[in-house]
Amino acid sequence: MSAEDATLTQLEALRSYLAHLARFGMRLGLERMEAILASLGHPERRYGVVHVAGTNGKGATAAMTASIARAAGLRTGLYVSPHLVRFNERIVMDGRPISDAALVEAYEAARRAVEAVGADEPPTQFEFATAMALWAFARAGVELAVLEVGLGGRLDATNVVRAPEVCVITALGLDHTQVLGPTLAAIAAEKAGILKPGADAVVASPPPEAAPVVAARARETAAPLWEVAPVRAPPALSGAGTYRWEGRVVGLSGGRLDVVTPQGVRLEGLTVGLAGSFQLPNAAVAVACVDRLRARGWRIDATAIETGLRQVRWPGRFHVVGTRPTVVVDGAHNPAAARALARGFVEVLGGPPRLLVIGLLAEKDVRGVLEALVTPGCTVVATRARSSRTEPMPPDRLAQLAMELGAGRAECVEPPGRALARALELAGPDDLVAVCGSLYLAGEILAETGGVT
C-alpha cells in the first residue's frame, strides 16, 4: 500500500472513530482530558497559550490573535470549532489547516493515549479533537497556540491548560442556557472559569449582571484584569486597567479601528480585514490580548498588529460568496449575533436582505434569531443542515414562524444547496440574499459554492 493510500485509510478510520464518539454526546468535565494528556506527555505545556472564551466573537478574536502572532513571525497554532467543510480546519498551524498526514499522526497518538488510559467511558468527540490539536501543536514546534473554548469554559476540554499566558473573554450573552445556566451571571461564571493565577485576563466590557462575577473570579485567581471598552462607555469592571477603542465601518473589505492602551499608547487607523461593525470590538480585544503578550516579553510589534488584523480571514462570517445578487453567508445562531448581523447588512450593504435562507438548531432561541433577521415582506427559504450536531428545527416550523413575524413569503426547501438555488431563482440582480442561522448550514453552503477549500 502506498503512503497516500495508507493516509486515506487512516483518514477514514478517523472519521469513523469521531462518528463513534459523537454517539456519546457532550459530557463536560476535565478528568478524561487530564488523563489523556498525561498519557501524551502533557504536550500543552510545551508552548505558550492564549485561551479564548465568550458567547459571541470568540472564534473571530482567536483568529485575529493568531493572525497577529503569525505576522510577528511566531510559529502559531489555532484551535477552533466547529469546522465548516473539513475537520482539518479545526487545527490550524501558521495559517494553514493541518495536513492530512499530520492529522493522521495526531489521530494515532491520541488513540494510543485513550487506549493506554483505559477509562470506563470514552472521551467525547470534542475531547478527542482537543487532544489531537494539543499534541499536533507540540509535534510541529508551535511557539504560541490560540485555543477557542468549545462550550462554556470552566469544564470545557480546553481548560486543561494550567498556565496560559492570556485568558480572553469576548462578548457575553444568553446561549446554551440549558447547559450553562439561564442568567448572564451564571454564564459569566462558566466563562470566567478559564481565568488562571498569573495569566492576564482580557475581557470585553460585560453586561452589568455579569461584571461582578468576572471581577470576583479575577480577584480569586489574582489574575491581572484588563477591560476592553468603547471609548465613550463607562468602565464595567472594578479594579481593571482599560483599553479604549473606537471604530469606523468601511465596507465589505472591513473596517477601521483606533485603540488606546491603559498606558496611553495610541494605535490608530488599524484596518480590520473582516466586514461588519460587530468585528471591531473583537479586533479591539485581540489587540489588547497581544499587547498583554508584548508586556510579558513576546516579540510582537505594532507592524505585526497592523498586518495581522488586515490579513485575517475567518470564513462563514459576513462571507460574500456571490454578486448580482449579493450572497452573504454567516453562521449567526443566537439573537445577539443575529442582531449584530442585521446591523451589518445596513451598515455595509445599505439595507436588510430581501431573501433569507435560514436553518437553525431546535435548541436555539429560534424566535429571537428570526425576530432579528425577518423584515416586513421579505422572502424566507427555510431549510436544515444535514451535518447538525443536534436536532435541527423542522423547516416547516421555521417557515410558519417567519410568516408570523412579517415575512411576505416562506418556503421549505431541502437540502441547503437547493434552498440557496431557490433563493437565487427568486432574487433580482440587485438583491441581497443572506444565508444564516447555523455554522453547520454555513459550512454546507460554502462547500457547495467553493467558499472554503
Protein backbone atom coordinates (compact mmCIF):
# COMPACT_ATOMS: atom_id res chain seq x y z
CA MET A 1 0.00 0.00 0.00
CA SER A 2 1.35 3.43 -0.93
CA ALA A 3 1.81 6.16 1.69
CA GLU A 4 -1.05 8.08 0.10
CA ASP A 5 -3.38 5.08 0.27
CA ALA A 6 -2.38 4.46 3.89
CA THR A 7 -3.22 8.07 4.77
CA LEU A 8 -6.61 7.80 3.10
CA THR A 9 -7.31 4.59 5.01
CA GLN A 10 -6.40 6.23 8.30
CA LEU A 11 -8.47 9.31 7.49
CA GLU A 12 -11.45 7.03 7.03
CA ALA A 13 -10.65 5.39 10.36
CA LEU A 14 -10.51 8.85 11.95
CA ARG A 15 -13.91 9.82 10.53
CA SER A 16 -15.38 6.53 11.71
CA TYR A 17 -13.93 6.93 15.21
CA LEU A 18 -15.16 10.53 15.54
CA ALA A 19 -18.62 9.45 14.43
CA HIS A 20 -18.48 6.69 17.05
CA LEU A 21 -17.55 9.19 19.78
CA ALA A 22 -20.32 11.56 18.69
CA ARG A 23 -22.89 8.97 19.76
CA PHE A 24 -21.89 9.56 23.38
CA GLY A 25 -22.90 13.21 23.16
CA MET A 26 -21.48 16.00 25.30
CA ARG A 27 -20.10 15.43 28.81
CA LEU A 28 -18.43 18.39 30.48
CA GLY A 29 -15.55 17.71 32.85
CA LEU A 30 -11.75 17.63 32.84
CA GLU A 31 -10.82 14.22 34.28
CA ARG A 32 -10.77 12.36 30.97
CA MET A 33 -8.76 15.10 29.25
CA GLU A 34 -6.22 15.29 32.06
CA ALA A 35 -5.64 11.54 31.91
CA ILE A 36 -5.26 11.55 28.12
CA LEU A 37 -2.83 14.46 28.14
CA ALA A 38 -0.78 12.84 30.88
CA SER A 39 -0.51 9.75 28.67
CA LEU A 40 0.60 12.01 25.79
CA GLY A 41 3.33 13.56 27.95
CA HIS A 42 1.49 16.84 28.52
CA PRO A 43 2.00 18.45 25.09
CA GLU A 44 0.02 21.51 26.23
CA ARG A 45 2.96 22.53 28.46
CA ARG A 46 5.42 22.90 25.57
CA TYR A 47 4.21 26.24 24.18
CA GLY A 48 2.53 29.45 25.23
CA VAL A 49 -1.26 29.54 25.19
CA VAL A 50 -3.92 32.18 24.68
CA HIS A 51 -7.29 30.81 25.87
CA VAL A 52 -10.43 32.43 24.43
CA ALA A 53 -13.99 32.08 25.78
CA GLY A 54 -17.17 34.08 25.18
CA THR A 55 -20.67 33.84 23.76
CA ASN A 56 -20.10 35.73 20.51
CA GLY A 57 -16.92 36.71 18.73
CA LYS A 58 -14.56 34.24 20.37
CA GLY A 59 -13.68 32.49 17.12
CA ALA A 60 -13.00 35.74 15.24
CA THR A 61 -10.98 37.09 18.17
CA ALA A 62 -8.94 33.88 18.27
CA ALA A 63 -8.35 34.07 14.51
CA MET A 64 -7.24 37.72 14.76
CA THR A 65 -4.90 36.98 17.66
CA ALA A 66 -3.32 34.09 15.77
CA SER A 67 -3.02 36.20 12.61
CA ILE A 68 -1.15 38.92 14.53
CA ALA A 69 1.16 36.39 16.18
CA ARG A 70 1.86 34.84 12.79
CA ALA A 71 2.63 38.28 11.30
CA ALA A 72 5.14 38.74 14.13
CA GLY A 73 6.99 35.66 12.91
CA LEU A 74 5.86 33.34 15.67
CA ARG A 75 5.13 29.69 14.90
CA THR A 76 1.41 29.81 15.66
CA GLY A 77 -1.33 27.27 16.27
CA LEU A 78 -5.07 27.95 16.22
CA TYR A 79 -7.71 25.54 17.50
CA VAL A 80 -11.37 26.34 16.73
CA SER A 81 -14.70 24.57 16.36
CA PRO A 82 -16.82 23.56 14.64
CA HIS A 83 -15.27 23.22 11.21
CA LEU A 84 -17.14 24.47 8.18
CA VAL A 85 -16.18 21.97 5.48
CA ARG A 86 -13.26 19.75 6.55
CA PHE A 87 -12.21 18.60 10.01
CA ASN A 88 -8.67 19.82 9.24
CA GLU A 89 -9.92 23.41 9.63
CA ARG A 90 -10.12 22.95 13.41
CA ILE A 91 -6.34 22.59 13.77
CA VAL A 92 -4.50 25.41 12.02
CA MET A 93 -0.77 25.99 12.02
CA ASP A 94 0.82 29.09 10.55
CA GLY A 95 -2.45 29.97 8.87
CA ARG A 96 -2.99 26.64 7.14
CA PRO A 97 -5.26 23.77 8.17
CA ILE A 98 -3.35 20.72 9.33
CA SER A 99 -2.29 18.40 6.52
CA ASP A 100 -3.92 15.01 6.15
CA ALA A 101 -0.66 13.27 7.03
CA ALA A 102 -0.17 15.32 10.22
CA LEU A 103 -3.83 14.82 11.12
CA VAL A 104 -3.38 11.05 10.88
CA GLU A 105 -0.31 11.24 13.12
CA ALA A 106 -2.29 13.20 15.71
CA TYR A 107 -5.18 10.73 15.50
CA GLU A 108 -2.89 7.76 16.03
CA ALA A 109 -1.16 9.41 19.01
CA ALA A 110 -4.44 10.40 20.66
CA ARG A 111 -5.96 6.97 20.01
CA ARG A 112 -2.97 5.26 21.66
CA ALA A 113 -3.32 7.59 24.64
CA VAL A 114 -7.03 6.80 25.00
CA GLU A 115 -6.29 3.07 24.90
CA ALA A 116 -3.48 3.45 27.45
CA VAL A 117 -5.73 5.34 29.85
CA GLY A 118 -8.40 2.67 29.54
CA ALA A 119 -11.10 4.81 31.13
CA ASP A 120 -14.51 3.38 31.91
CA GLU A 121 -16.11 5.84 29.50
CA PRO A 122 -14.59 7.01 26.20
CA PRO A 123 -13.72 10.64 25.57
CA THR A 124 -16.23 12.86 23.84
CA GLN A 125 -15.64 13.79 20.24
CA PHE A 126 -14.56 17.30 21.28
CA GLU A 127 -12.18 15.98 23.92
CA PHE A 128 -10.52 13.69 21.41
CA ALA A 129 -10.22 16.52 18.86
CA THR A 130 -8.72 18.78 21.53
CA ALA A 131 -6.15 16.16 22.48
CA MET A 132 -5.23 15.79 18.81
CA ALA A 133 -4.77 19.54 18.44
CA LEU A 134 -2.64 19.95 21.57
CA TRP A 135 -0.42 17.06 20.53
CA ALA A 136 -0.14 18.29 16.92
CA PHE A 137 0.94 21.75 18.08
CA ALA A 138 3.73 20.28 20.20
CA ARG A 139 4.79 17.95 17.39
CA ALA A 140 5.05 20.90 14.98
CA GLY A 141 7.07 23.06 17.36
CA VAL A 142 4.40 25.72 17.77
CA GLU A 143 5.51 28.65 19.95
CA LEU A 144 2.07 30.12 20.69
CA ALA A 145 -1.27 28.31 20.50
CA VAL A 146 -4.60 30.15 20.50
CA LEU A 147 -7.36 27.89 21.82
CA GLU A 148 -11.06 28.65 21.38
CA VAL A 149 -13.31 27.23 24.10
CA GLY A 150 -15.88 24.79 22.76
CA LEU A 151 -18.67 25.37 25.30
CA GLY A 152 -18.67 27.44 28.47
CA GLY A 153 -15.16 27.42 29.87
CA ARG A 154 -14.86 26.08 33.41
CA LEU A 155 -15.46 22.45 32.43
CA ASP A 156 -14.56 22.70 28.74
CA ALA A 157 -11.93 20.28 27.44
CA THR A 158 -9.60 23.16 26.55
CA ASN A 159 -9.47 24.23 30.20
CA VAL A 160 -6.86 21.57 30.97
CA VAL A 161 -4.26 24.21 30.11
CA ARG A 162 -3.00 25.21 33.54
CA ALA A 163 -0.65 28.11 32.77
CA PRO A 164 -1.89 30.17 29.83
CA GLU A 165 -0.25 33.49 29.02
CA VAL A 166 -3.52 35.35 28.48
CA CYS A 167 -7.16 34.38 29.08
CA VAL A 168 -9.75 36.21 26.99
CA ILE A 169 -13.50 36.61 27.45
CA THR A 170 -15.32 38.14 24.49
CA ALA A 171 -18.92 39.41 24.38
CA LEU A 172 -21.28 37.64 26.79
CA GLY A 173 -24.90 36.79 26.08
CA LEU A 174 -27.55 34.13 26.56
CA ASP A 175 -26.76 30.94 24.66
CA HIS A 176 -26.57 27.24 25.60
CA THR A 177 -28.67 28.16 28.62
CA GLN A 178 -29.75 24.53 29.10
CA VAL A 179 -26.11 23.70 29.93
CA LEU A 180 -24.56 26.93 31.22
CA GLY A 181 -27.49 28.38 33.14
CA PRO A 182 -30.40 30.71 32.44
CA THR A 183 -28.83 34.03 33.50
CA LEU A 184 -25.92 36.18 32.36
CA ALA A 185 -24.40 35.83 35.82
CA ALA A 186 -24.45 32.03 35.56
CA ILE A 187 -22.98 32.10 32.06
CA ALA A 188 -20.30 34.58 33.15
CA ALA A 189 -19.28 32.24 35.96
CA GLU A 190 -18.74 29.42 33.47
CA LYS A 191 -16.78 31.61 31.04
CA ALA A 192 -14.67 33.14 33.82
CA GLY A 193 -13.72 29.62 34.89
CA ILE A 194 -10.85 29.83 32.38
CA LEU A 195 -9.09 32.59 34.36
CA LYS A 196 -5.87 31.33 35.96
CA PRO A 197 -3.40 32.65 38.52
CA GLY A 198 -0.67 34.68 36.84
CA ALA A 199 -2.38 34.84 33.44
CA ASP A 200 -3.55 38.22 32.19
CA ALA A 201 -7.35 38.38 31.87
CA VAL A 202 -8.59 40.43 28.90
CA VAL A 203 -12.36 40.94 28.94
CA ALA A 204 -14.74 42.72 26.58
CA SER A 205 -16.96 45.05 28.64
CA PRO A 206 -19.51 42.67 30.18
CA PRO A 207 -23.16 43.50 30.88
CA PRO A 208 -23.94 44.75 34.42
CA GLU A 209 -25.27 41.38 35.60
CA ALA A 210 -22.07 39.62 34.55
CA ALA A 211 -19.43 42.18 35.53
CA PRO A 212 -19.27 41.43 39.29
CA VAL A 213 -18.93 37.71 38.58
CA VAL A 214 -15.96 38.21 36.24
CA ALA A 215 -14.29 40.70 38.57
CA ALA A 216 -14.71 38.34 41.53
CA ARG A 217 -13.13 35.45 39.64
CA ALA A 218 -10.19 37.67 38.65
CA ARG A 219 -9.65 38.62 42.31
CA GLU A 220 -9.96 34.99 43.39
CA THR A 221 -7.25 33.90 40.96
CA ALA A 222 -5.15 37.08 41.33
CA ALA A 223 -5.31 37.43 37.56
CA PRO A 224 -4.41 40.92 36.29
CA LEU A 225 -7.69 42.22 34.82
CA TRP A 226 -7.94 44.32 31.66
CA GLU A 227 -11.22 45.61 30.25
CA VAL A 228 -11.73 46.43 26.58
CA ALA A 229 -14.38 49.14 26.31
CA PRO A 230 -15.76 51.53 23.69
CA VAL A 231 -14.24 54.98 24.02
CA ARG A 232 -17.45 56.62 25.28
CA ALA A 233 -18.66 53.85 27.59
CA PRO A 234 -18.09 53.90 31.36
CA PRO A 235 -15.88 51.06 32.64
CA ALA A 236 -17.82 47.99 33.78
CA LEU A 237 -15.15 46.07 35.71
CA SER A 238 -13.82 47.27 39.04
CA GLY A 239 -10.09 47.01 39.53
CA ALA A 240 -9.31 46.66 35.83
CA GLY A 241 -6.99 48.53 33.53
CA THR A 242 -8.91 49.76 30.49
CA TYR A 243 -8.24 49.56 26.78
CA ARG A 244 -10.38 52.04 24.84
CA TRP A 245 -11.42 51.54 21.25
CA GLU A 246 -13.30 53.43 18.56
CA GLY A 247 -14.24 52.04 15.19
CA ARG A 248 -15.35 53.18 11.77
CA VAL A 249 -17.21 50.96 9.33
CA VAL A 250 -15.76 50.99 5.81
CA GLY A 251 -17.40 48.27 3.72
CA LEU A 252 -17.10 44.70 2.54
CA SER A 253 -13.32 44.89 2.76
CA GLY A 254 -13.52 45.57 6.51
CA GLY A 255 -13.43 48.44 8.99
CA ARG A 256 -11.04 50.79 10.76
CA LEU A 257 -10.13 50.81 14.41
CA ASP A 258 -8.31 53.02 16.94
CA VAL A 259 -7.15 51.58 20.26
CA VAL A 260 -5.67 53.38 23.27
CA THR A 261 -3.84 51.22 25.82
CA PRO A 262 -4.04 51.77 29.60
CA GLN A 263 -0.56 53.34 29.33
CA GLY A 264 -1.84 55.89 26.81
CA VAL A 265 -0.22 54.36 23.72
CA ARG A 266 -2.38 55.04 20.66
CA LEU A 267 -2.74 52.54 17.84
CA GLU A 268 -4.62 54.45 15.16
CA GLY A 269 -6.11 53.58 11.81
CA LEU A 270 -5.85 49.80 12.18
CA THR A 271 -7.53 48.08 9.24
CA VAL A 272 -9.64 45.04 10.14
CA GLY A 273 -9.94 42.58 7.27
CA LEU A 274 -13.41 41.36 8.29
CA ALA A 275 -16.63 43.18 7.39
CA GLY A 276 -19.25 44.39 9.85
CA SER A 277 -19.12 46.68 12.86
CA PHE A 278 -19.55 43.63 15.11
CA GLN A 279 -15.99 42.60 14.24
CA LEU A 280 -14.46 45.84 15.55
CA PRO A 281 -14.86 45.04 19.28
CA ASN A 282 -13.44 41.59 18.55
CA ALA A 283 -10.44 43.26 16.92
CA ALA A 284 -10.01 45.55 19.92
CA VAL A 285 -9.96 42.54 22.24
CA ALA A 286 -7.36 40.86 20.03
CA VAL A 287 -5.20 43.99 20.12
CA ALA A 288 -5.46 44.11 23.92
CA CYS A 289 -4.57 40.42 24.10
CA VAL A 290 -1.39 40.79 22.02
CA ASP A 291 -0.48 43.94 23.93
CA ARG A 292 -0.54 41.85 27.11
CA LEU A 293 1.61 39.26 25.35
CA ARG A 294 4.06 42.05 24.47
CA ALA A 295 4.14 43.10 28.12
CA ARG A 296 5.03 39.50 29.00
CA GLY A 297 8.02 39.54 26.65
CA TRP A 298 6.58 38.15 23.41
CA ARG A 299 8.11 39.73 20.30
CA ILE A 300 5.05 41.36 18.71
CA ASP A 301 5.44 44.88 17.37
CA ALA A 302 2.98 47.46 16.05
CA THR A 303 3.66 46.45 12.45
CA ALA A 304 2.62 42.87 13.23
CA ILE A 305 -0.62 44.14 14.79
CA GLU A 306 -1.39 46.20 11.69
CA THR A 307 -0.52 43.37 9.29
CA GLY A 308 -2.25 40.62 11.24
CA LEU A 309 -5.55 42.49 11.54
CA ARG A 310 -5.52 43.44 7.88
CA GLN A 311 -4.74 39.92 6.65
CA VAL A 312 -7.05 37.93 8.95
CA ARG A 313 -9.53 35.59 7.31
CA TRP A 314 -12.50 33.99 9.08
CA PRO A 315 -14.80 32.11 6.67
CA GLY A 316 -18.52 31.86 7.32
CA ARG A 317 -18.86 35.24 8.98
CA PHE A 318 -20.25 38.01 6.74
CA HIS A 319 -18.73 35.95 3.96
CA VAL A 320 -19.61 37.16 0.46
CA VAL A 321 -19.85 34.21 -1.93
CA GLY A 322 -21.71 35.80 -4.83
CA THR A 323 -22.52 39.06 -6.58
CA ARG A 324 -25.52 40.14 -8.65
CA PRO A 325 -27.27 39.15 -6.49
CA THR A 326 -25.01 39.65 -3.49
CA VAL A 327 -24.94 36.47 -1.39
CA VAL A 328 -23.67 36.67 2.21
CA VAL A 329 -23.13 33.59 4.38
CA ASP A 330 -22.94 34.00 8.15
CA GLY A 331 -23.17 31.48 10.98
CA ALA A 332 -25.13 33.79 13.33
CA HIS A 333 -27.05 31.37 15.56
CA ASN A 334 -28.27 33.32 18.60
CA PRO A 335 -30.23 36.57 18.94
CA ALA A 336 -27.24 38.76 19.82
CA ALA A 337 -25.27 37.53 16.81
CA ALA A 338 -28.34 37.86 14.57
CA ARG A 339 -28.92 41.46 15.70
CA ALA A 340 -25.28 42.29 15.02
CA LEU A 341 -25.55 40.71 11.59
CA ALA A 342 -28.71 42.71 10.82
CA ARG A 343 -26.86 45.92 11.71
CA GLY A 344 -24.01 44.81 9.47
CA PHE A 345 -26.32 44.45 6.49
CA VAL A 346 -27.49 48.03 6.92
CA GLU A 347 -24.03 49.48 7.61
CA VAL A 348 -22.12 47.65 4.90
CA LEU A 349 -24.72 46.92 2.21
CA GLY A 350 -27.26 49.68 2.76
CA GLY A 351 -30.22 47.62 3.93
CA PRO A 352 -31.59 44.27 5.06
CA PRO A 353 -31.67 41.17 2.83
CA ARG A 354 -34.78 40.69 0.72
CA LEU A 355 -34.25 36.92 0.79
CA LEU A 356 -33.22 34.77 3.73
CA VAL A 357 -32.05 31.17 3.54
CA ILE A 358 -32.20 30.05 7.14
CA GLY A 359 -31.74 26.92 9.20
CA LEU A 360 -31.46 26.69 12.97
CA LEU A 361 -30.92 24.08 15.64
CA ALA A 362 -34.07 23.39 17.65
CA GLU A 363 -32.21 24.04 20.93
CA LYS A 364 -31.57 27.67 19.96
CA ASP A 365 -33.72 30.74 20.59
CA VAL A 366 -35.32 30.38 17.18
CA ARG A 367 -37.86 33.16 17.62
CA GLY A 368 -35.18 35.56 18.85
CA VAL A 369 -32.99 34.91 15.81
CA LEU A 370 -35.88 35.29 13.38
CA GLU A 371 -37.10 38.47 15.07
CA ALA A 372 -33.67 39.98 14.40
CA LEU A 373 -33.48 38.95 10.75
CA VAL A 374 -37.01 38.78 9.31
CA THR A 375 -38.15 42.12 7.90
CA PRO A 376 -41.63 43.00 6.59
CA GLY A 377 -42.27 41.48 3.19
CA CYS A 378 -39.01 39.54 2.91
CA THR A 379 -38.86 36.05 1.44
CA VAL A 380 -37.68 33.19 3.65
CA VAL A 381 -36.45 29.86 2.33
CA ALA A 382 -36.35 27.55 5.34
CA THR A 383 -34.03 24.54 5.31
CA ARG A 384 -31.95 22.37 7.62
CA ALA A 385 -28.28 21.40 7.69
CA ARG A 386 -27.56 17.73 7.27
CA SER A 387 -24.46 17.84 9.48
CA SER A 388 -26.01 19.40 12.60
CA ARG A 389 -24.70 18.03 15.91
CA THR A 390 -28.19 18.24 17.47
CA GLU A 391 -31.73 18.18 16.09
CA PRO A 392 -32.48 20.96 13.58
CA MET A 393 -35.69 22.95 13.75
CA PRO A 394 -38.09 21.49 11.15
CA PRO A 395 -38.18 23.82 8.13
CA ASP A 396 -41.99 23.97 8.11
CA ARG A 397 -41.97 25.37 11.64
CA LEU A 398 -39.30 27.89 10.69
CA ALA A 399 -41.37 28.99 7.70
CA GLN A 400 -44.53 29.28 9.79
CA LEU A 401 -42.80 31.39 12.43
CA ALA A 402 -41.23 33.62 9.77
CA MET A 403 -44.68 34.34 8.35
CA GLU A 404 -45.98 35.15 11.83
CA LEU A 405 -43.14 37.66 12.19
CA GLY A 406 -43.98 39.50 8.98
CA ALA A 407 -42.29 37.70 6.11
CA GLY A 408 -44.10 38.16 2.82
CA ARG A 409 -43.36 34.65 1.63
CA ALA A 410 -41.90 31.50 3.14
CA GLU A 411 -40.98 28.17 1.52
CA CYS A 412 -39.38 24.94 2.73
CA VAL A 413 -36.58 23.59 0.54
CA GLU A 414 -34.05 20.88 1.35
CA PRO A 415 -31.14 20.28 1.27
CA PRO A 416 -29.33 23.63 1.80
CA GLY A 417 -27.83 23.74 -1.70
CA ARG A 418 -31.27 23.53 -3.26
CA ALA A 419 -32.55 26.13 -0.80
CA LEU A 420 -29.92 28.60 -1.96
CA ALA A 421 -30.65 27.78 -5.60
CA ARG A 422 -34.34 28.53 -4.95
CA ALA A 423 -33.50 31.85 -3.31
CA LEU A 424 -31.36 32.80 -6.32
CA GLU A 425 -34.28 31.96 -8.63
CA LEU A 426 -36.43 34.43 -6.70
CA ALA A 427 -33.78 37.16 -6.46
CA GLY A 428 -33.10 40.01 -8.80
CA PRO A 429 -29.55 41.07 -9.70
CA ASP A 430 -29.58 43.94 -7.21
CA ASP A 431 -30.99 41.94 -4.30
CA LEU A 432 -29.21 40.77 -1.17
CA VAL A 433 -29.52 37.09 -0.24
CA ALA A 434 -28.45 36.05 3.26
CA VAL A 435 -27.71 32.50 4.39
CA CYS A 436 -27.63 32.31 8.18
CA GLY A 437 -28.73 30.60 11.39
CA SER A 438 -26.07 27.94 11.88
CA LEU A 439 -22.38 27.33 11.26
CA TYR A 440 -23.35 23.87 10.04
CA LEU A 441 -25.58 25.46 7.41
CA ALA A 442 -22.85 27.96 6.54
CA GLY A 443 -20.37 25.14 6.09
CA GLU A 444 -22.59 23.16 3.75
CA ILE A 445 -23.29 26.22 1.62
CA LEU A 446 -19.61 27.18 1.49
CA ALA A 447 -18.72 23.63 0.45
CA GLU A 448 -21.17 23.88 -2.46
CA THR A 449 -20.13 27.36 -3.52
CA GLY A 450 -16.42 26.79 -3.14
CA GLY A 451 -16.13 29.45 -0.45
CA VAL A 452 -13.79 27.29 1.68
CA THR A 453 -11.13 24.89 0.48
